[in-house]
Amino acid sequence: MWLTGRTSATTTAALHTALSSPTTTAASPLRFLFLAAGPLLLVAAVGLLLRRRSRLRDLAQPLAIPRAVFAAVHRADEAGIRERAAEEVARLAGHAQGNRAAPAATGRARESCATAEALLQRASGVPDLAGVFALVHEGRTALDGSKAPLPLCFFHPLHGPAARRIPWRPSDDGERFQVGACATCIRDLRSRREPDTLTDQRAGRPVPYFDVPHEHSLWSATGYGSLLTDTSLTAHVQRELDPSR
């Protein structure tokens, strides 16, 4: 209600006393302070709790290599890819050492990690370095306990994990395969465009890696895991690195 000139003298005096009281003046800012700070403190507490739970979840179930890593690697030169591959091998080793997965899964992850490290030492180009990422991916999916894990993208493993498997045949008269493909490559194929493909050297010129005869290329023979049905990529790479196995 608006105050008018007809307000009684008693009421005016009471208002003057209340407004000039030290207790009222001091208490009002404190109330505003608590009202303002309360929600901020609650948000901060919730944020701390979520971050703590996130750290615990990461230790218990390591996530796949972030897609941002693959995006950065795809733009990098060979030296940059090698550096990121070494980082991911070290990260897998840490997860395999400190996780709570079943012993069998931990054993597979450690085996993939050791194989990836050995391959990294002998990698002679981007196709081999892409194989390091494929092995790290296989080790991580073992720790995650995935029932039917998808491999990295068949057409270019540095695109990251496949979105799903699709039918593909290398030529009109060739055998049809079910290969893992990322969303980008699937869109390209549906639009009748050639997908971005990892290349290797054959007769001194770059060709799609899967066009290299299988007997001359481990990656062509395995499709970085897409063409395997009963064995792991880790086992194939181990035999390649040590034929006596």
C-alpha atoms as a PDB file:
ATOM      1  CA  MET A   1       0.000   0.000   0.000  1.00  0.00           C
ATOM      2  CA  TRP A   2       1.266   3.472  -0.871  1.00  0.00           C
ATOM      3  CA  LEU A   3       1.987   5.803   2.045  1.00  0.00           C
ATOM      4  CA  THR A   4       0.060   9.075   1.885  1.00  0.00           C
ATOM      5  CA  GLY A   5       0.118  12.324   3.800  1.00  0.00           C
ATOM      6  CA  ARG A   6      -2.680  11.079   6.002  1.00  0.00           C
ATOM      7  CA  THR A   7      -0.533   8.459   7.727  1.00  0.00           C
ATOM      8  CA  SER A   8      -0.874   8.819  11.488  1.00  0.00           C
ATOM      9  CA  ALA A   9       1.940  10.315  13.574  1.00  0.00           C
ATOM     10  CA  THR A  10       2.153   7.117  15.606  1.00  0.00           C
ATOM     11  CA  THR A  11       2.611   4.978  12.532  1.00  0.00           C
ATOM     12  CA  THR A  12       5.215   7.365  11.123  1.00  0.00           C
ATOM     13  CA  ALA A  13       7.169   7.291  14.376  1.00  0.00           C
ATOM     14  CA  ALA A  14       7.068   3.512  14.519  1.00  0.00           C
ATOM     15  CA  LEU A  15       8.352   3.238  10.950  1.00  0.00           C
ATOM     16  CA  HIS A  16      11.109   5.741  11.683  1.00  0.00           C
ATOM     17  CA  THR A  17      12.173   3.757  14.754  1.00  0.00           C
ATOM     18  CA  ALA A  18      12.173   0.443  12.853  1.00  0.00           C
ATOM     19  CA  LEU A  19      14.141   1.766   9.899  1.00  0.00           C
ATOM     20  CA  SER A  20      16.727   3.475  12.079  1.00  0.00           C
ATOM     21  CA  SER A  21      17.187   0.494  14.428  1.00  0.00           C
ATOM     22  CA  PRO A  22      20.769  -0.926  14.288  1.00  0.00           C
ATOM     23  CA  THR A  23      19.427  -4.464  14.690  1.00  0.00           C
ATOM     24  CA  THR A  24      17.197  -4.225  11.643  1.00  0.00           C
ATOM     25  CA  THR A  25      19.911  -2.608   9.509  1.00  0.00           C
ATOM     26  CA  ALA A  26      22.491  -5.264  10.417  1.00  0.00           C
ATOM     27  CA  ALA A  27      20.198  -8.256  10.141  1.00  0.00           C
ATOM     28  CA  SER A  28      18.825  -7.439   6.705  1.00  0.00           C
ATOM     29  CA  PRO A  29      22.152  -7.701   4.774  1.00  0.00           C
ATOM     30  CA  LEU A  30      22.975 -10.950   6.591  1.00  0.00           C
ATOM     31  CA  ARG A  31      19.679 -12.457   5.530  1.00  0.00           C
ATOM     32  CA  PHE A  32      20.330 -11.436   1.922  1.00  0.00           C
ATOM     33  CA  LEU A  33      23.848 -12.871   2.177  1.00  0.00           C
ATOM     34  CA  PHE A  34      22.626 -16.257   3.391  1.00  0.00           C
ATOM     35  CA  LEU A  35      19.859 -16.298   0.801  1.00  0.00           C
ATOM     36  CA  ALA A  36      22.359 -15.612  -1.980  1.00  0.00           C
ATOM     37  CA  ALA A  37      25.127 -17.900  -0.753  1.00  0.00           C
ATOM     38  CA  GLY A  38      22.914 -20.893   0.048  1.00  0.00           C
ATOM     39  CA  PRO A  39      22.214 -22.008  -3.553  1.00  0.00           C
ATOM     40  CA  LEU A  40      25.831 -21.391  -4.560  1.00  0.00           C
ATOM     41  CA  LEU A  41      27.098 -23.596  -1.723  1.00  0.00           C
ATOM     42  CA  LEU A  42      24.601 -26.305  -2.694  1.00  0.00           C
ATOM     43  CA  VAL A  43      25.713 -26.222  -6.353  1.00  0.00           C
ATOM     44  CA  ALA A  44      29.373 -26.412  -5.296  1.00  0.00           C
ATOM     45  CA  ALA A  45      28.693 -29.390  -3.030  1.00  0.00           C
ATOM     46  CA  VAL A  46      26.804 -31.243  -5.778  1.00  0.00           C
ATOM     47  CA  GLY A  47      29.627 -30.503  -8.240  1.00  0.00           C
ATOM     48  CA  LEU A  48      32.246 -31.928  -5.885  1.00  0.00           C
ATOM     49  CA  LEU A  49      30.151 -35.055  -5.346  1.00  0.00           C
ATOM     50  CA  LEU A  50      29.669 -35.596  -9.086  1.00  0.00           C
ATOM     51  CA  ARG A  51      33.389 -35.125  -9.784  1.00  0.00           C
ATOM     52  CA  ARG A  52      34.276 -37.603  -7.055  1.00  0.00           C
ATOM     53  CA  ARG A  53      31.821 -40.166  -8.420  1.00  0.00           C
ATOM     54  CA  SER A  54      33.164 -39.589 -11.926  1.00  0.00           C
ATOM     55  CA  ARG A  55      36.729 -40.301 -10.787  1.00  0.00           C
ATOM     56  CA  LEU A  56      35.615 -43.484  -9.052  1.00  0.00           C
ATOM     57  CA  ARG A  57      33.676 -44.592 -12.132  1.00  0.00           C
ATOM     58  CA  ASP A  58      36.678 -43.947 -14.381  1.00  0.00           C
ATOM     59  CA  LEU A  59      38.862 -46.142 -12.183  1.00  0.00           C
ATOM     60  CA  ALA A  60      36.285 -48.923 -12.059  1.00  0.00           C
ATOM     61  CA  GLN A  61      35.263 -48.900 -15.739  1.00  0.00           C
ATOM     62  CA  PRO A  62      37.589 -47.076 -18.117  1.00  0.00           C
ATOM     63  CA  LEU A  63      35.819 -45.473 -21.041  1.00  0.00           C
ATOM     64  CA  ALA A  64      36.816 -45.929 -24.650  1.00  0.00           C
ATOM     65  CA  ILE A  65      39.407 -43.622 -26.136  1.00  0.00           C
ATOM     66  CA  PRO A  66      37.591 -40.257 -26.459  1.00  0.00           C
ATOM     67  CA  ARG A  67      36.546 -39.389 -30.004  1.00  0.00           C
ATOM     68  CA  ALA A  68      38.349 -36.070 -29.578  1.00  0.00           C
ATOM     69  CA  VAL A  69      41.604 -38.038 -29.429  1.00  0.00           C
ATOM     70  CA  PHE A  70      40.850 -39.728 -32.751  1.00  0.00           C
ATOM     71  CA  ALA A  71      39.879 -36.392 -34.290  1.00  0.00           C
ATOM     72  CA  ALA A  72      43.207 -34.897 -33.218  1.00  0.00           C
ATOM     73  CA  VAL A  73      45.200 -37.946 -34.327  1.00  0.00           C
ATOM     74  CA  HIS A  74      43.535 -37.979 -37.732  1.00  0.00           C
ATOM     75  CA  ARG A  75      44.840 -34.450 -38.343  1.00  0.00           C
ATOM     76  CA  ALA A  76      48.340 -35.140 -36.983  1.00  0.00           C
ATOM     77  CA  ASP A  77      51.463 -36.156 -38.847  1.00  0.00           C
ATOM     78  CA  GLU A  78      53.193 -39.476 -38.233  1.00  0.00           C
ATOM     79  CA  ALA A  79      55.250 -38.135 -35.324  1.00  0.00           C
ATOM     80  CA  GLY A  80      52.125 -36.740 -33.676  1.00  0.00           C
ATOM     81  CA  ILE A  81      50.242 -40.012 -34.155  1.00  0.00           C
ATOM     82  CA  ARG A  82      53.140 -41.931 -32.631  1.00  0.00           C
ATOM     83  CA  GLU A  83      53.186 -39.634 -29.607  1.00  0.00           C
ATOM     84  CA  ARG A  84      49.446 -39.992 -28.993  1.00  0.00           C
ATOM     85  CA  ALA A  85      49.673 -43.757 -29.471  1.00  0.00           C
ATOM     86  CA  ALA A  86      52.333 -43.930 -26.747  1.00  0.00           C
ATOM     87  CA  GLU A  87      50.083 -41.901 -24.443  1.00  0.00           C
ATOM     88  CA  GLU A  88      47.142 -44.251 -24.987  1.00  0.00           C
ATOM     89  CA  VAL A  89      49.296 -47.342 -24.371  1.00  0.00           C
ATOM     90  CA  ALA A  90      50.459 -45.827 -21.061  1.00  0.00           C
ATOM     91  CA  ARG A  91      46.864 -44.939 -20.152  1.00  0.00           C
ATOM     92  CA  LEU A  92      45.690 -48.496 -20.831  1.00  0.00           C
ATOM     93  CA  ALA A  93      48.518 -49.845 -18.686  1.00  0.00           C
ATOM     94  CA  GLY A  94      47.337 -47.655 -15.803  1.00  0.00           C
ATOM     95  CA  HIS A  95      43.722 -48.796 -16.208  1.00  0.00           C
ATOM     96  CA  ALA A  96      44.732 -52.455 -16.396  1.00  0.00           C
ATOM     97  CA  GLN A  97      46.756 -52.106 -13.204  1.00  0.00           C
ATOM     98  CA  GLY A  98      44.188 -50.267 -11.093  1.00  0.00           C
ATOM     99  CA  ASN A  99      40.790 -51.523 -12.273  1.00  0.00           C
ATOM    100  CA  ARG A 100      38.306 -53.877 -10.608  1.00  0.00           C
ATOM    101  CA  ALA A 101      37.438 -55.980 -13.640  1.00  0.00           C
ATOM    102  CA  ALA A 102      37.431 -59.778 -13.601  1.00  0.00           C
ATOM    103  CA  PRO A 103      40.894 -61.377 -13.613  1.00  0.00           C
ATOM    104  CA  ALA A 104      40.350 -62.834 -17.090  1.00  0.00           C
ATOM    105  CA  ALA A 105      39.413 -59.418 -18.504  1.00  0.00           C
ATOM    106  CA  THR A 106      42.384 -57.816 -16.777  1.00  0.00           C
ATOM    107  CA  GLY A 107      44.664 -60.462 -18.258  1.00  0.00           C
ATOM    108  CA  ARG A 108      43.373 -59.808 -21.789  1.00  0.00           C
ATOM    109  CA  ALA A 109      43.794 -56.067 -21.330  1.00  0.00           C
ATOM    110  CA  ARG A 110      47.370 -56.437 -20.103  1.00  0.00           C
ATOM    111  CA  GLU A 111      48.160 -58.744 -23.011  1.00  0.00           C
ATOM    112  CA  SER A 112      46.728 -56.220 -25.481  1.00  0.00           C
ATOM    113  CA  CYS A 113      48.705 -53.464 -23.785  1.00  0.00           C
ATOM    114  CA  ALA A 114      51.992 -55.384 -23.930  1.00  0.00           C
ATOM    115  CA  THR A 115      51.384 -56.242 -27.589  1.00  0.00           C
ATOM    116  CA  ALA A 116      50.541 -52.625 -28.403  1.00  0.00           C
ATOM    117  CA  GLU A 117      53.747 -51.471 -26.743  1.00  0.00           C
ATOM    118  CA  ALA A 118      55.811 -54.015 -28.709  1.00  0.00           C
ATOM    119  CA  LEU A 119      54.128 -52.980 -31.964  1.00  0.00           C
ATOM    120  CA  LEU A 120      54.737 -49.312 -31.178  1.00  0.00           C
ATOM    121  CA  GLN A 121      58.467 -49.982 -30.926  1.00  0.00           C
ATOM    122  CA  ARG A 122      58.477 -51.588 -34.387  1.00  0.00           C
ATOM    123  CA  ALA A 123      55.866 -49.435 -36.131  1.00  0.00           C
ATOM    124  CA  SER A 124      57.192 -48.229 -39.473  1.00  0.00           C
ATOM    125  CA  GLY A 125      54.308 -46.036 -40.601  1.00  0.00           C
ATOM    126  CA  VAL A 126      50.785 -44.832 -39.977  1.00  0.00           C
ATOM    127  CA  PRO A 127      49.145 -48.230 -40.742  1.00  0.00           C
ATOM    128  CA  ASP A 128      51.184 -49.824 -37.940  1.00  0.00           C
ATOM    129  CA  LEU A 129      50.416 -46.923 -35.579  1.00  0.00           C
ATOM    130  CA  ALA A 130      46.721 -47.339 -36.359  1.00  0.00           C
ATOM    131  CA  GLY A 131      47.198 -50.954 -35.260  1.00  0.00           C
ATOM    132  CA  VAL A 132      48.482 -49.716 -31.898  1.00  0.00           C
ATOM    133  CA  PHE A 133      45.224 -47.812 -31.405  1.00  0.00           C
ATOM    134  CA  ALA A 134      43.242 -50.890 -32.427  1.00  0.00           C
ATOM    135  CA  LEU A 135      45.040 -52.979 -29.804  1.00  0.00           C
ATOM    136  CA  VAL A 136      44.478 -50.339 -27.121  1.00  0.00           C
ATOM    137  CA  HIS A 137      40.800 -50.260 -28.081  1.00  0.00           C
ATOM    138  CA  GLU A 138      40.628 -54.051 -27.766  1.00  0.00           C
ATOM    139  CA  GLY A 139      42.218 -53.882 -24.316  1.00  0.00           C
ATOM    140  CA  ARG A 140      39.803 -51.211 -23.139  1.00  0.00           C
ATOM    141  CA  THR A 141      36.736 -53.091 -24.341  1.00  0.00           C
ATOM    142  CA  ALA A 142      38.002 -56.137 -22.427  1.00  0.00           C
ATOM    143  CA  LEU A 143      38.075 -54.082 -19.220  1.00  0.00           C
ATOM    144  CA  ASP A 144      34.647 -52.603 -19.926  1.00  0.00           C
ATOM    145  CA  GLY A 145      33.161 -56.082 -20.164  1.00  0.00           C
ATOM    146  CA  SER A 146      31.445 -55.446 -23.498  1.00  0.00           C
ATOM    147  CA  LYS A 147      29.540 -58.516 -24.713  1.00  0.00           C
ATOM    148  CA  ALA A 148      29.986 -57.888 -28.434  1.00  0.00           C
ATOM    149  CA  PRO A 149      32.412 -54.990 -28.779  1.00  0.00           C
ATOM    150  CA  LEU A 150      32.747 -53.229 -32.094  1.00  0.00           C
ATOM    151  CA  PRO A 151      36.230 -52.695 -33.547  1.00  0.00           C
ATOM    152  CA  LEU A 152      37.600 -49.412 -34.811  1.00  0.00           C
ATOM    153  CA  CYS A 153      36.302 -48.185 -38.162  1.00  0.00           C
ATOM    154  CA  PHE A 154      37.328 -50.629 -40.894  1.00  0.00           C
ATOM    155  CA  PHE A 155      37.848 -47.976 -43.542  1.00  0.00           C
ATOM    156  CA  HIS A 156      40.005 -45.707 -41.394  1.00  0.00           C
ATOM    157  CA  PRO A 157      40.756 -46.867 -37.816  1.00  0.00           C
ATOM    158  CA  LEU A 158      41.773 -43.338 -36.843  1.00  0.00           C
ATOM    159  CA  HIS A 159      38.127 -42.314 -37.290  1.00  0.00           C
ATOM    160  CA  GLY A 160      37.511 -44.053 -33.971  1.00  0.00           C
ATOM    161  CA  PRO A 161      35.159 -46.869 -32.893  1.00  0.00           C
ATOM    162  CA  ALA A 162      32.658 -48.242 -35.369  1.00  0.00           C
ATOM    163  CA  ALA A 163      29.021 -47.252 -34.952  1.00  0.00           C
ATOM    164  CA  ARG A 164      27.791 -50.614 -36.260  1.00  0.00           C
ATOM    165  CA  ARG A 165      28.613 -53.390 -38.707  1.00  0.00           C
ATOM    166  CA  ILE A 166      27.587 -53.084 -42.337  1.00  0.00           C
ATOM    167  CA  PRO A 167      27.860 -55.407 -45.381  1.00  0.00           C
ATOM    168  CA  TRP A 168      30.772 -54.530 -47.655  1.00  0.00           C
ATOM    169  CA  ARG A 169      32.522 -56.168 -50.582  1.00  0.00           C
ATOM    170  CA  PRO A 170      35.819 -54.905 -52.032  1.00  0.00           C
ATOM    171  CA  SER A 171      34.710 -55.494 -55.635  1.00  0.00           C
ATOM    172  CA  ASP A 172      31.609 -56.463 -57.579  1.00  0.00           C
ATOM    173  CA  ASP A 173      32.720 -60.066 -57.858  1.00  0.00           C
ATOM    174  CA  GLY A 174      34.365 -60.239 -54.428  1.00  0.00           C
ATOM    175  CA  GLU A 175      33.250 -61.825 -51.196  1.00  0.00           C
ATOM    176  CA  ARG A 176      30.902 -59.856 -48.967  1.00  0.00           C
ATOM    177  CA  PHE A 177      32.062 -59.060 -45.438  1.00  0.00           C
ATOM    178  CA  GLN A 178      30.452 -57.562 -42.360  1.00  0.00           C
ATOM    179  CA  VAL A 179      32.764 -54.747 -41.294  1.00  0.00           C
ATOM    180  CA  GLY A 180      32.594 -52.125 -38.578  1.00  0.00           C
ATOM    181  CA  ALA A 181      32.149 -48.587 -39.852  1.00  0.00           C
ATOM    182  CA  CYS A 182      31.915 -45.192 -38.206  1.00  0.00           C
ATOM    183  CA  ALA A 183      28.895 -42.937 -38.773  1.00  0.00           C
ATOM    184  CA  THR A 184      30.753 -40.725 -41.264  1.00  0.00           C
ATOM    185  CA  CYS A 185      31.808 -43.633 -43.467  1.00  0.00           C
ATOM    186  CA  ILE A 186      28.293 -45.092 -43.337  1.00  0.00           C
ATOM    187  CA  ARG A 187      26.858 -41.775 -44.569  1.00  0.00           C
ATOM    188  CA  ASP A 188      29.438 -41.638 -47.360  1.00  0.00           C
ATOM    189  CA  LEU A 189      28.628 -45.155 -48.527  1.00  0.00           C
ATOM    190  CA  ARG A 190      24.889 -44.490 -48.456  1.00  0.00           C
ATOM    191  CA  SER A 191      25.495 -41.403 -50.586  1.00  0.00           C
ATOM    192  CA  ARG A 192      27.619 -43.485 -52.989  1.00  0.00           C
ATOM    193  CA  ARG A 193      30.748 -41.553 -52.033  1.00  0.00           C
ATOM    194  CA  GLU A 194      34.108 -43.149 -51.413  1.00  0.00           C
ATOM    195  CA  PRO A 195      34.774 -43.086 -47.659  1.00  0.00           C
ATOM    196  CA  ASP A 196      37.943 -41.556 -46.294  1.00  0.00           C
ATOM    197  CA  THR A 197      40.254 -44.578 -46.285  1.00  0.00           C
ATOM    198  CA  LEU A 198      43.580 -45.327 -44.628  1.00  0.00           C
ATOM    199  CA  THR A 199      46.239 -45.923 -47.275  1.00  0.00           C
ATOM    200  CA  ASP A 200      49.339 -48.086 -47.399  1.00  0.00           C
ATOM    201  CA  GLN A 201      52.147 -48.383 -49.931  1.00  0.00           C
ATOM    202  CA  ARG A 202      52.029 -50.934 -52.731  1.00  0.00           C
ATOM    203  CA  ALA A 203      54.498 -50.868 -55.619  1.00  0.00           C
ATOM    204  CA  GLY A 204      55.607 -47.439 -54.520  1.00  0.00           C
ATOM    205  CA  ARG A 205      52.196 -45.786 -54.579  1.00  0.00           C
ATOM    206  CA  PRO A 206      49.445 -45.245 -51.972  1.00  0.00           C
ATOM    207  CA  VAL A 207      46.462 -47.591 -52.123  1.00  0.00           C
ATOM    208  CA  PRO A 208      43.655 -48.407 -49.689  1.00  0.00           C
ATOM    209  CA  TYR A 209      45.286 -50.592 -47.072  1.00  0.00           C
ATOM    210  CA  PHE A 210      42.754 -53.388 -47.643  1.00  0.00           C
ATOM    211  CA  ASP A 211      43.821 -53.607 -51.306  1.00  0.00           C
ATOM    212  CA  VAL A 212      47.240 -54.929 -50.245  1.00  0.00           C
ATOM    213  CA  PRO A 213      47.260 -58.756 -50.580  1.00  0.00           C
ATOM    214  CA  HIS A 214      46.534 -60.391 -47.239  1.00  0.00           C
ATOM    215  CA  GLU A 215      49.779 -62.345 -47.286  1.00  0.00           C
ATOM    216  CA  HIS A 216      51.687 -59.059 -47.366  1.00  0.00           C
ATOM    217  CA  SER A 217      49.719 -57.095 -44.809  1.00  0.00           C
ATOM    218  CA  LEU A 218      48.476 -58.042 -41.364  1.00  0.00           C
ATOM    219  CA  TRP A 219      46.096 -55.071 -41.429  1.00  0.00           C
ATOM    220  CA  SER A 220      44.586 -56.063 -44.761  1.00  0.00           C
ATOM    221  CA  ALA A 221      44.105 -59.606 -43.459  1.00  0.00           C
ATOM    222  CA  THR A 222      42.451 -58.529 -40.212  1.00  0.00           C
ATOM    223  CA  GLY A 223      40.792 -55.212 -41.108  1.00  0.00           C
ATOM    224  CA  TYR A 224      42.066 -53.968 -37.737  1.00  0.00           C
ATOM    225  CA  GLY A 225      39.702 -56.459 -36.109  1.00  0.00           C
ATOM    226  CA  SER A 226      36.667 -56.155 -38.411  1.00  0.00           C
ATOM    227  CA  LEU A 227      37.470 -59.324 -40.375  1.00  0.00           C
ATOM    228  CA  LEU A 228      38.103 -61.479 -37.306  1.00  0.00           C
ATOM    229  CA  THR A 229      35.390 -63.760 -35.943  1.00  0.00           C
ATOM    230  CA  ASP A 230      36.984 -66.314 -33.647  1.00  0.00           C
ATOM    231  CA  THR A 231      40.293 -64.806 -32.524  1.00  0.00           C
ATOM    232  CA  SER A 232      41.464 -61.495 -31.144  1.00  0.00           C
ATOM    233  CA  LEU A 233      43.524 -58.922 -32.990  1.00  0.00           C
ATOM    234  CA  THR A 234      46.040 -59.197 -30.145  1.00  0.00           C
ATOM    235  CA  ALA A 235      46.672 -62.865 -30.977  1.00  0.00           C
ATOM    236  CA  HIS A 236      47.240 -62.098 -34.667  1.00  0.00           C
ATOM    237  CA  VAL A 237      49.676 -59.272 -33.928  1.00  0.00           C
ATOM    238  CA  GLN A 238      51.541 -61.442 -31.439  1.00  0.00           C
ATOM    239  CA  ARG A 239      52.071 -64.107 -34.095  1.00  0.00           C
ATOM    240  CA  GLU A 240      53.231 -61.457 -36.550  1.00  0.00           C
ATOM    241  CA  LEU A 241      55.735 -60.055 -34.055  1.00  0.00           C
ATOM    242  CA  ASP A 242      56.853 -63.509 -32.897  1.00  0.00           C
ATOM    243  CA  PRO A 243      56.238 -66.252 -35.504  1.00  0.00           C
ATOM    244  CA  SER A 244      57.340 -68.912 -33.014  1.00  0.00           C
ATOM    245  CA  ARG A 245      54.103 -68.491 -31.042  1.00  0.00           C
END
